[in-house]
Amino acid sequence: MSEDAFNMSIRKFLKEVGVTSQRKIEETVRDGQIAGKRLKVRMTLTAEGAALNHVVDGEIELP
């Protein structure tokens, strides 16, 4: 696989993760399932067959 194809494959995956994650967060907030002014979130990235385990923690300010 070329470096360009590899890069595009990663970008496609990350775009799907970003778009679908945003939708899920928005749905959760709209449904009133959140109490408070901030939503604590965590995204965990793993890869089958690889020693990849990357965790990103964050907070989202609510309207």
Protein backbone atom coordinates (compact mmCIF):
# COMPACT_ATOMS: atom_id res chain seq x y z
CA MET A 1 0.00 0.00 0.00
CA SER A 2 1.28 3.43 -0.86
CA GLU A 3 1.80 6.11 1.76
CA ASP A 4 -0.93 8.22 0.13
CA ALA A 5 -3.46 5.38 0.18
CA PHE A 6 -2.57 4.65 3.83
CA ASN A 7 -3.04 8.32 4.75
CA MET A 8 -6.40 8.50 2.95
CA SER A 9 -7.60 5.32 4.67
CA ILE A 10 -6.77 6.76 8.09
CA ARG A 11 -8.47 10.06 7.25
CA LYS A 12 -11.61 8.26 6.06
CA PHE A 13 -11.79 6.27 9.30
CA LEU A 14 -11.21 9.35 11.48
CA LYS A 15 -13.84 11.33 9.57
CA GLU A 16 -16.40 8.57 10.19
CA VAL A 17 -15.47 8.45 13.89
CA GLY A 18 -15.74 12.22 14.21
CA VAL A 19 -19.06 12.58 12.40
CA THR A 20 -20.79 9.65 14.10
CA SER A 21 -19.43 10.59 17.54
CA GLN A 22 -20.68 14.16 17.17
CA ARG A 23 -24.14 12.89 16.22
CA LYS A 24 -24.28 10.57 19.23
CA ILE A 25 -23.20 13.33 21.62
CA GLU A 26 -25.77 15.74 20.16
CA GLU A 27 -28.53 13.12 20.46
CA THR A 28 -27.62 12.44 24.07
CA VAL A 29 -27.68 16.14 24.95
CA ARG A 30 -30.94 16.78 23.04
CA ASP A 31 -32.65 13.85 24.77
CA GLY A 32 -31.92 15.54 28.10
CA GLN A 33 -29.82 12.66 29.39
CA ILE A 34 -27.16 15.00 30.78
CA ALA A 35 -27.19 16.81 34.11
CA GLY A 36 -24.90 19.78 34.64
CA LYS A 37 -23.01 22.20 32.46
CA ARG A 38 -20.29 19.86 31.17
CA LEU A 39 -20.20 16.43 29.66
CA LYS A 40 -17.13 14.36 30.51
CA VAL A 41 -16.20 12.17 27.57
CA ARG A 42 -13.64 9.49 26.83
CA MET A 43 -12.66 8.00 23.49
CA THR A 44 -10.70 4.76 23.44
CA LEU A 45 -8.93 3.59 20.30
CA THR A 46 -7.94 -0.06 20.04
CA ALA A 47 -6.90 -2.17 17.08
CA GLU A 48 -7.57 -5.86 16.73
CA GLY A 49 -4.33 -7.80 16.50
CA ALA A 50 -2.17 -4.87 17.58
CA ALA A 51 -0.95 -3.48 20.89
CA LEU A 52 -2.82 -0.22 20.35
CA ASN A 53 -4.72 1.28 23.27
CA HIS A 54 -5.02 5.07 23.13
CA VAL A 55 -7.38 6.97 25.46
CA VAL A 56 -8.40 10.60 25.07
CA ASP A 57 -10.36 12.26 27.91
CA GLY A 58 -12.11 15.58 27.59
CA GLU A 59 -15.00 17.78 28.58
CA ILE A 60 -17.67 19.33 26.40
CA GLU A 61 -19.41 22.51 27.57
CA LEU A 62 -23.17 22.20 27.28
CA PRO A 63 -25.56 24.89 26.03
